[in-house]
Amino acid sequence: MDCSQFKSGILAFREHALPEAQATPASEHLASCAACRNLMSEFDQLDELIERDKAATPNPFAGTRILQRIENELGTSRERTAVRWSRILTPVVMVIALLFGLFIGTNKARNDSRITGSVAVSSENVAFLRTNLLISEFADEDKILVLNK
């Protein structure tokens, strides 16, 4: 038996599933070939490693830690999405608020100009303010009108 034939049947040989007609030449080849013995010892080491891992008790908190890490990763992606939306929405809200303020201001100015345009300052109004409201000084934006002098 040569190395390629041995390698093709190594798993069956290890599990003692080869017929006797093939098992005897495989044993003889294994005894005479150092490369195949090394390959067989590597398989033995793998079996030992697998058996040790089977016998090891898992950490009871490993599942909890894994789930927590997944939740943290999802949470950070949600936070990143929230930060992106806040970066987009903040300027939009500010522009809307500015436009709303301009709209209110222009309407207020328009209404004030209609009211002040209809009321004329006359001597009757000044006399009324002086006598009935007891106001000695009447302040306007850029002038002060003295009533009781």
N, C-alpha and C. Protein backbone atom coordinates (compact mmCIF):
# COMPACT_ATOMS: atom_id res chain seq x y z
N MET A 1 0.87 -1.17 0.00
CA MET A 1 0.00 0.00 0.00
C MET A 1 0.91 1.23 0.00
N ASP A 2 0.51 2.24 -0.80
CA ASP A 2 1.30 3.47 -0.83
C ASP A 2 0.58 4.56 -0.01
N CYS A 3 1.22 5.74 0.11
CA CYS A 3 0.71 6.82 0.97
C CYS A 3 -0.66 7.33 0.50
N SER A 4 -0.86 7.49 -0.80
CA SER A 4 -2.13 8.03 -1.28
C SER A 4 -3.29 7.07 -0.98
N GLN A 5 -3.06 5.76 -1.08
CA GLN A 5 -4.11 4.80 -0.74
C GLN A 5 -4.39 4.82 0.77
N PHE A 6 -3.32 4.94 1.56
CA PHE A 6 -3.51 5.00 3.01
C PHE A 6 -4.30 6.25 3.40
N LYS A 7 -3.92 7.41 2.80
CA LYS A 7 -4.61 8.68 3.13
C LYS A 7 -6.07 8.64 2.73
N SER A 8 -6.40 7.96 1.63
CA SER A 8 -7.79 7.90 1.20
C SER A 8 -8.62 7.03 2.15
N GLY A 9 -8.03 6.10 2.85
CA GLY A 9 -8.78 5.25 3.76
C GLY A 9 -8.44 5.46 5.21
N ILE A 10 -7.80 6.57 5.55
CA ILE A 10 -7.33 6.78 6.93
C ILE A 10 -8.50 6.89 7.92
N LEU A 11 -9.57 7.54 7.52
CA LEU A 11 -10.69 7.69 8.46
C LEU A 11 -11.34 6.34 8.75
N ALA A 12 -11.51 5.53 7.72
CA ALA A 12 -12.08 4.20 7.93
C ALA A 12 -11.12 3.35 8.77
N PHE A 13 -9.80 3.49 8.56
CA PHE A 13 -8.81 2.76 9.34
C PHE A 13 -8.88 3.16 10.81
N ARG A 14 -9.00 4.46 11.08
CA ARG A 14 -9.07 4.95 12.46
C ARG A 14 -10.31 4.46 13.18
N GLU A 15 -11.41 4.31 12.44
CA GLU A 15 -12.65 3.85 13.05
C GLU A 15 -12.78 2.33 13.00
N HIS A 16 -11.74 1.66 12.55
CA HIS A 16 -11.72 0.19 12.44
C HIS A 16 -12.85 -0.31 11.55
N ALA A 17 -13.07 0.41 10.46
CA ALA A 17 -14.14 0.05 9.54
C ALA A 17 -13.61 -0.53 8.23
N LEU A 18 -12.31 -0.67 8.12
CA LEU A 18 -11.74 -1.27 6.90
C LEU A 18 -11.88 -2.80 6.96
N PRO A 19 -12.15 -3.41 5.81
CA PRO A 19 -12.15 -4.88 5.80
C PRO A 19 -10.74 -5.40 6.11
N GLU A 20 -10.65 -6.62 6.59
CA GLU A 20 -9.37 -7.22 7.00
C GLU A 20 -8.36 -7.25 5.87
N ALA A 21 -8.85 -7.37 4.64
CA ALA A 21 -7.94 -7.41 3.49
C ALA A 21 -7.23 -6.08 3.29
N GLN A 22 -7.83 -4.99 3.69
CA GLN A 22 -7.20 -3.66 3.54
C GLN A 22 -6.57 -3.20 4.84
N ALA A 23 -7.10 -3.65 5.99
CA ALA A 23 -6.59 -3.20 7.28
C ALA A 23 -5.16 -3.68 7.52
N THR A 24 -4.84 -4.92 7.13
CA THR A 24 -3.49 -5.45 7.35
C THR A 24 -2.45 -4.68 6.56
N PRO A 25 -2.64 -4.45 5.23
CA PRO A 25 -1.63 -3.65 4.52
C PRO A 25 -1.54 -2.21 5.05
N ALA A 26 -2.68 -1.64 5.53
CA ALA A 26 -2.64 -0.28 6.06
C ALA A 26 -1.82 -0.24 7.34
N SER A 27 -1.95 -1.25 8.18
CA SER A 27 -1.16 -1.31 9.42
C SER A 27 0.32 -1.46 9.10
N GLU A 28 0.64 -2.29 8.13
CA GLU A 28 2.03 -2.47 7.73
C GLU A 28 2.61 -1.19 7.16
N HIS A 29 1.80 -0.46 6.35
CA HIS A 29 2.28 0.81 5.77
C HIS A 29 2.49 1.83 6.88
N LEU A 30 1.60 1.86 7.83
CA LEU A 30 1.70 2.81 8.95
C LEU A 30 2.97 2.54 9.75
N ALA A 31 3.32 1.29 9.92
CA ALA A 31 4.53 0.94 10.67
C ALA A 31 5.79 1.33 9.92
N SER A 32 5.72 1.34 8.59
CA SER A 32 6.94 1.61 7.82
C SER A 32 7.06 3.06 7.33
N CYS A 33 5.99 3.85 7.35
CA CYS A 33 6.01 5.22 6.78
C CYS A 33 5.91 6.26 7.89
N ALA A 34 6.94 7.08 8.03
CA ALA A 34 6.96 8.12 9.07
C ALA A 34 5.95 9.24 8.77
N ALA A 35 5.77 9.60 7.50
CA ALA A 35 4.83 10.67 7.13
C ALA A 35 3.40 10.28 7.50
N CYS A 36 3.04 9.04 7.24
CA CYS A 36 1.68 8.59 7.57
C CYS A 36 1.50 8.46 9.08
N ARG A 37 2.58 8.08 9.80
CA ARG A 37 2.50 8.04 11.26
C ARG A 37 2.27 9.44 11.82
N ASN A 38 2.96 10.44 11.25
CA ASN A 38 2.76 11.84 11.69
C ASN A 38 1.32 12.28 11.42
N LEU A 39 0.80 11.90 10.26
CA LEU A 39 -0.58 12.24 9.94
C LEU A 39 -1.54 11.58 10.92
N MET A 40 -1.28 10.33 11.25
CA MET A 40 -2.13 9.61 12.20
C MET A 40 -2.04 10.24 13.59
N SER A 41 -0.86 10.69 14.00
CA SER A 41 -0.71 11.33 15.32
C SER A 41 -1.42 12.69 15.34
N GLU A 42 -1.43 13.40 14.22
CA GLU A 42 -2.18 14.66 14.16
C GLU A 42 -3.68 14.39 14.33
N PHE A 43 -4.16 13.34 13.71
CA PHE A 43 -5.56 12.96 13.90
C PHE A 43 -5.84 12.60 15.36
N ASP A 44 -4.92 11.91 15.98
CA ASP A 44 -5.08 11.56 17.40
C ASP A 44 -5.14 12.81 18.27
N GLN A 45 -4.27 13.78 17.97
CA GLN A 45 -4.28 15.04 18.73
C GLN A 45 -5.59 15.79 18.54
N LEU A 46 -6.11 15.76 17.33
CA LEU A 46 -7.40 16.41 17.09
C LEU A 46 -8.51 15.72 17.87
N ASP A 47 -8.48 14.40 17.91
CA ASP A 47 -9.49 13.67 18.69
C ASP A 47 -9.41 14.04 20.17
N GLU A 48 -8.18 14.14 20.71
CA GLU A 48 -8.02 14.52 22.11
C GLU A 48 -8.55 15.92 22.36
N LEU A 49 -8.26 16.83 21.46
CA LEU A 49 -8.74 18.21 21.59
C LEU A 49 -10.27 18.25 21.57
N ILE A 50 -10.86 17.50 20.68
CA ILE A 50 -12.33 17.46 20.59
C ILE A 50 -12.91 16.89 21.88
N GLU A 51 -12.32 15.84 22.39
CA GLU A 51 -12.82 15.23 23.63
C GLU A 51 -12.68 16.18 24.82
N ARG A 52 -11.57 16.94 24.88
CA ARG A 52 -11.41 17.92 25.96
C ARG A 52 -12.45 19.02 25.86
N ASP A 53 -12.72 19.47 24.64
CA ASP A 53 -13.73 20.51 24.47
C ASP A 53 -15.13 20.00 24.81
N LYS A 54 -15.38 18.73 24.53
CA LYS A 54 -16.68 18.15 24.89
C LYS A 54 -16.83 18.08 26.41
N ALA A 55 -15.75 17.75 27.07
CA ALA A 55 -15.79 17.59 28.52
C ALA A 55 -15.82 18.93 29.26
N ALA A 56 -15.37 19.97 28.63
CA ALA A 56 -15.31 21.28 29.29
C ALA A 56 -16.73 21.80 29.52
N THR A 57 -16.93 22.42 30.69
CA THR A 57 -18.24 23.01 30.99
C THR A 57 -18.25 24.44 30.49
N PRO A 58 -19.29 24.80 29.78
CA PRO A 58 -19.35 26.16 29.26
C PRO A 58 -19.64 27.17 30.36
N ASN A 59 -19.20 28.36 30.14
CA ASN A 59 -19.47 29.45 31.06
C ASN A 59 -20.97 29.74 31.04
N PRO A 60 -21.64 29.74 32.17
CA PRO A 60 -23.10 29.95 32.16
C PRO A 60 -23.49 31.36 31.73
N PHE A 61 -22.57 32.29 31.82
CA PHE A 61 -22.89 33.66 31.46
C PHE A 61 -22.47 34.01 30.03
N ALA A 62 -21.92 33.05 29.31
CA ALA A 62 -21.44 33.32 27.95
C ALA A 62 -22.59 33.75 27.05
N GLY A 63 -23.70 33.06 27.13
CA GLY A 63 -24.86 33.42 26.30
C GLY A 63 -25.37 34.82 26.63
N THR A 64 -25.41 35.13 27.92
CA THR A 64 -25.86 36.46 28.33
C THR A 64 -24.91 37.53 27.82
N ARG A 65 -23.63 37.28 27.90
CA ARG A 65 -22.64 38.25 27.43
C ARG A 65 -22.73 38.46 25.92
N ILE A 66 -22.94 37.37 25.21
CA ILE A 66 -23.06 37.48 23.75
C ILE A 66 -24.29 38.29 23.39
N LEU A 67 -25.42 37.98 24.03
CA LEU A 67 -26.65 38.73 23.75
C LEU A 67 -26.50 40.21 24.12
N GLN A 68 -25.83 40.48 25.24
CA GLN A 68 -25.62 41.87 25.64
C GLN A 68 -24.75 42.61 24.62
N ARG A 69 -23.74 41.94 24.12
CA ARG A 69 -22.87 42.58 23.12
C ARG A 69 -23.64 42.87 21.84
N ILE A 70 -24.50 41.93 21.44
CA ILE A 70 -25.33 42.16 20.24
C ILE A 70 -26.25 43.34 20.47
N GLU A 71 -26.88 43.40 21.64
CA GLU A 71 -27.77 44.53 21.94
C GLU A 71 -27.00 45.84 21.96
N ASN A 72 -25.78 45.83 22.50
CA ASN A 72 -24.96 47.04 22.51
C ASN A 72 -24.63 47.50 21.10
N GLU A 73 -24.28 46.54 20.25
CA GLU A 73 -23.96 46.88 18.87
C GLU A 73 -25.19 47.46 18.16
N LEU A 74 -26.35 46.86 18.38
CA LEU A 74 -27.57 47.38 17.77
C LEU A 74 -27.92 48.75 18.35
N GLY A 75 -27.67 48.90 19.66
CA GLY A 75 -27.95 50.18 20.30
C GLY A 75 -27.09 51.29 19.75
N THR A 76 -25.81 51.02 19.53
CA THR A 76 -24.95 52.07 19.00
C THR A 76 -25.32 52.42 17.57
N SER A 77 -25.77 51.44 16.80
CA SER A 77 -26.19 51.77 15.44
C SER A 77 -27.46 52.60 15.47
N ARG A 78 -28.35 52.31 16.44
CA ARG A 78 -29.56 53.13 16.58
C ARG A 78 -29.20 54.54 17.00
N GLU A 79 -28.23 54.66 17.94
CA GLU A 79 -27.80 55.98 18.37
C GLU A 79 -27.17 56.75 17.22
N ARG A 80 -26.39 56.06 16.40
CA ARG A 80 -25.79 56.72 15.25
C ARG A 80 -26.86 57.22 14.30
N THR A 81 -27.90 56.41 14.10
CA THR A 81 -29.00 56.82 13.24
C THR A 81 -29.70 58.03 13.83
N ALA A 82 -29.90 58.02 15.15
CA ALA A 82 -30.55 59.15 15.81
C ALA A 82 -29.70 60.41 15.68
N VAL A 83 -28.39 60.27 15.80
CA VAL A 83 -27.49 61.43 15.66
C VAL A 83 -27.57 61.97 14.23
N ARG A 84 -27.60 61.07 13.25
CA ARG A 84 -27.71 61.52 11.86
C ARG A 84 -29.01 62.28 11.64
N TRP A 85 -30.11 61.73 12.15
CA TRP A 85 -31.40 62.41 11.98
C TRP A 85 -31.40 63.76 12.70
N SER A 86 -30.81 63.83 13.89
CA SER A 86 -30.80 65.10 14.60
C SER A 86 -29.95 66.13 13.85
N ARG A 87 -28.89 65.70 13.20
CA ARG A 87 -28.07 66.62 12.41
C ARG A 87 -28.83 67.14 11.20
N ILE A 88 -29.73 66.34 10.69
CA ILE A 88 -30.53 66.76 9.54
C ILE A 88 -31.71 67.60 9.99
N LEU A 89 -32.40 67.16 11.03
CA LEU A 89 -33.63 67.81 11.45
C LEU A 89 -33.41 69.14 12.17
N THR A 90 -32.31 69.30 12.87
CA THR A 90 -32.08 70.54 13.60
C THR A 90 -32.07 71.75 12.67
N PRO A 91 -31.32 71.77 11.59
CA PRO A 91 -31.38 72.94 10.70
C PRO A 91 -32.75 73.11 10.05
N VAL A 92 -33.42 72.02 9.73
CA VAL A 92 -34.75 72.13 9.11
C VAL A 92 -35.72 72.78 10.08
N VAL A 93 -35.71 72.36 11.34
CA VAL A 93 -36.60 72.94 12.35
C VAL A 93 -36.26 74.41 12.56
N MET A 94 -34.98 74.74 12.57
CA MET A 94 -34.59 76.14 12.76
C MET A 94 -35.07 77.01 11.61
N VAL A 95 -34.98 76.53 10.38
CA VAL A 95 -35.47 77.30 9.22
C VAL A 95 -36.98 77.48 9.31
N ILE A 96 -37.70 76.42 9.69
CA ILE A 96 -39.15 76.52 9.82
C ILE A 96 -39.51 77.53 10.91
N ALA A 97 -38.81 77.50 12.04
CA ALA A 97 -39.07 78.45 13.12
C ALA A 97 -38.78 79.88 12.67
N LEU A 98 -37.71 80.08 11.91
CA LEU A 98 -37.37 81.40 11.42
C LEU A 98 -38.45 81.92 10.46
N LEU A 99 -38.89 81.06 9.55
CA LEU A 99 -39.95 81.46 8.62
C LEU A 99 -41.25 81.76 9.36
N PHE A 100 -41.56 80.97 10.36
CA PHE A 100 -42.77 81.21 11.15
C PHE A 100 -42.67 82.54 11.88
N GLY A 101 -41.49 82.84 12.44
CA GLY A 101 -41.29 84.13 13.11
C GLY A 101 -41.41 85.29 12.14
N LEU A 102 -40.85 85.17 10.95
CA LEU A 102 -40.99 86.23 9.95
C LEU A 102 -42.44 86.43 9.55
N PHE A 103 -43.17 85.34 9.39
CA PHE A 103 -44.58 85.42 9.04
C PHE A 103 -45.37 86.15 10.12
N ILE A 104 -45.15 85.81 11.38
CA ILE A 104 -45.85 86.46 12.49
C ILE A 104 -45.46 87.93 12.56
N GLY A 105 -44.18 88.24 12.40
CA GLY A 105 -43.73 89.63 12.47
C GLY A 105 -44.31 90.49 11.37
N THR A 106 -44.34 89.98 10.15
CA THR A 106 -44.90 90.79 9.06
C THR A 106 -46.39 90.99 9.23
N ASN A 107 -47.10 89.98 9.70
CA ASN A 107 -48.54 90.16 9.94
C ASN A 107 -48.78 91.16 11.06
N LYS A 108 -47.99 91.10 12.13
CA LYS A 108 -48.13 92.04 13.24
C LYS A 108 -47.83 93.46 12.76
N ALA A 109 -46.81 93.65 11.97
CA ALA A 109 -46.46 94.98 11.47
C ALA A 109 -47.56 95.50 10.56
N ARG A 110 -48.11 94.64 9.73
CA ARG A 110 -49.19 95.04 8.85
C ARG A 110 -50.42 95.48 9.65
N ASN A 111 -50.75 94.72 10.69
CA ASN A 111 -51.90 95.06 11.53
C ASN A 111 -51.65 96.35 12.31
N ASP A 112 -50.43 96.53 12.82
CA ASP A 112 -50.10 97.75 13.56
C ASP A 112 -50.14 98.97 12.66
N SER A 113 -49.71 98.83 11.42
CA SER A 113 -49.73 99.99 10.52
C SER A 113 -51.17 100.37 10.18
N ARG A 114 -52.06 99.41 10.10
CA ARG A 114 -53.48 99.74 9.86
C ARG A 114 -54.07 100.46 11.06
N ILE A 115 -53.73 100.02 12.27
CA ILE A 115 -54.29 100.64 13.48
C ILE A 115 -53.72 102.03 13.68
N THR A 116 -52.43 102.22 13.59
CA THR A 116 -51.84 103.53 13.83
C THR A 116 -52.15 104.49 12.69
N GLY A 117 -52.37 103.99 11.52
CA GLY A 117 -52.74 104.86 10.41
C GLY A 117 -54.15 105.41 10.56
N SER A 118 -55.01 104.71 11.22
CA SER A 118 -56.39 105.16 11.38
C SER A 118 -56.57 106.12 12.54
N VAL A 119 -55.66 106.05 13.52
CA VAL A 119 -55.78 106.93 14.68
C VAL A 119 -54.85 108.13 14.45
N ALA A 120 -55.42 109.28 14.33
CA ALA A 120 -54.62 110.48 14.14
C ALA A 120 -54.44 111.16 15.48
N VAL A 121 -53.23 111.68 15.67
CA VAL A 121 -52.96 112.40 16.90
C VAL A 121 -53.58 113.78 16.75
N SER A 122 -54.52 114.01 17.60
CA SER A 122 -55.18 115.31 17.55
C SER A 122 -55.16 115.92 18.94
N SER A 123 -55.55 117.16 18.98
CA SER A 123 -55.57 117.84 20.28
C SER A 123 -56.64 117.25 21.18
N GLU A 124 -57.71 116.70 20.60
CA GLU A 124 -58.75 116.07 21.41
C GLU A 124 -58.22 114.82 22.11
N ASN A 125 -57.43 114.04 21.38
CA ASN A 125 -56.86 112.83 21.99
C ASN A 125 -55.88 113.18 23.10
N VAL A 126 -55.08 114.20 22.88
CA VAL A 126 -54.13 114.63 23.89
C VAL A 126 -54.86 115.16 25.11
N ALA A 127 -55.92 115.92 24.90
CA ALA A 127 -56.70 116.45 26.01
C ALA A 127 -57.36 115.32 26.78
N PHE A 128 -57.86 114.33 26.06
CA PHE A 128 -58.49 113.17 26.71
C PHE A 128 -57.46 112.44 27.58
N LEU A 129 -56.28 112.22 27.04
CA LEU A 129 -55.25 111.54 27.80
C LEU A 129 -54.84 112.34 29.03
N ARG A 130 -54.75 113.65 28.89
CA ARG A 130 -54.32 114.50 29.99
C ARG A 130 -55.35 114.52 31.11
N THR A 131 -56.62 114.62 30.79
CA THR A 131 -57.65 114.79 31.82
C THR A 131 -58.15 113.46 32.38
N ASN A 132 -58.39 112.51 31.55
CA ASN A 132 -59.04 111.28 32.03
C ASN A 132 -58.06 110.22 32.53
N LEU A 133 -56.91 110.13 31.95
CA LEU A 133 -55.99 109.07 32.34
C LEU A 133 -54.89 109.56 33.27
N LEU A 134 -54.81 110.82 33.52
CA LEU A 134 -53.81 111.42 34.41
C LEU A 134 -52.39 111.02 34.03
N ILE A 135 -52.11 111.10 32.75
CA ILE A 135 -50.76 110.81 32.27
C ILE A 135 -50.05 112.13 32.07
N SER A 136 -48.89 112.28 32.72
CA SER A 136 -48.18 113.54 32.58
C SER A 136 -47.24 113.52 31.39
N GLU A 137 -46.69 112.36 31.08
CA GLU A 137 -45.81 112.25 29.93
C GLU A 137 -46.26 111.07 29.08
N PHE A 138 -46.25 111.26 27.80
CA PHE A 138 -46.63 110.22 26.87
C PHE A 138 -45.41 109.88 26.03
N ALA A 139 -44.91 108.64 26.13
CA ALA A 139 -43.67 108.26 25.46
C ALA A 139 -44.00 107.49 24.18
N ASP A 140 -43.42 107.96 23.10
CA ASP A 140 -43.50 107.22 21.85
C ASP A 140 -42.08 106.71 21.58
N GLU A 141 -41.88 105.99 20.52
CA GLU A 141 -40.59 105.37 20.28
C GLU A 141 -39.44 106.38 20.23
N ASP A 142 -39.61 107.47 19.51
CA ASP A 142 -38.49 108.38 19.37
C ASP A 142 -38.78 109.79 19.89
N LYS A 143 -39.92 109.97 20.51
CA LYS A 143 -40.20 111.30 21.06
C LYS A 143 -40.99 111.18 22.35
N ILE A 144 -40.89 112.18 23.17
CA ILE A 144 -41.64 112.23 24.42
C ILE A 144 -42.56 113.44 24.33
N LEU A 145 -43.81 113.19 24.55
CA LEU A 145 -44.82 114.24 24.50
C LEU A 145 -45.22 114.59 25.92
N VAL A 146 -45.01 115.81 26.32
CA VAL A 146 -45.34 116.25 27.66
C VAL A 146 -46.75 116.84 27.60
N LEU A 147 -47.63 116.29 28.46
CA LEU A 147 -49.05 116.69 28.40
C LEU A 147 -49.44 117.74 29.42
N ASN A 148 -48.98 117.69 30.63
CA ASN A 148 -49.40 118.60 31.68
C ASN A 148 -48.36 119.69 31.92
N LYS A 149 -48.34 120.70 31.12
CA LYS A 149 -47.41 121.83 31.35
C LYS A 149 -48.08 123.11 31.02
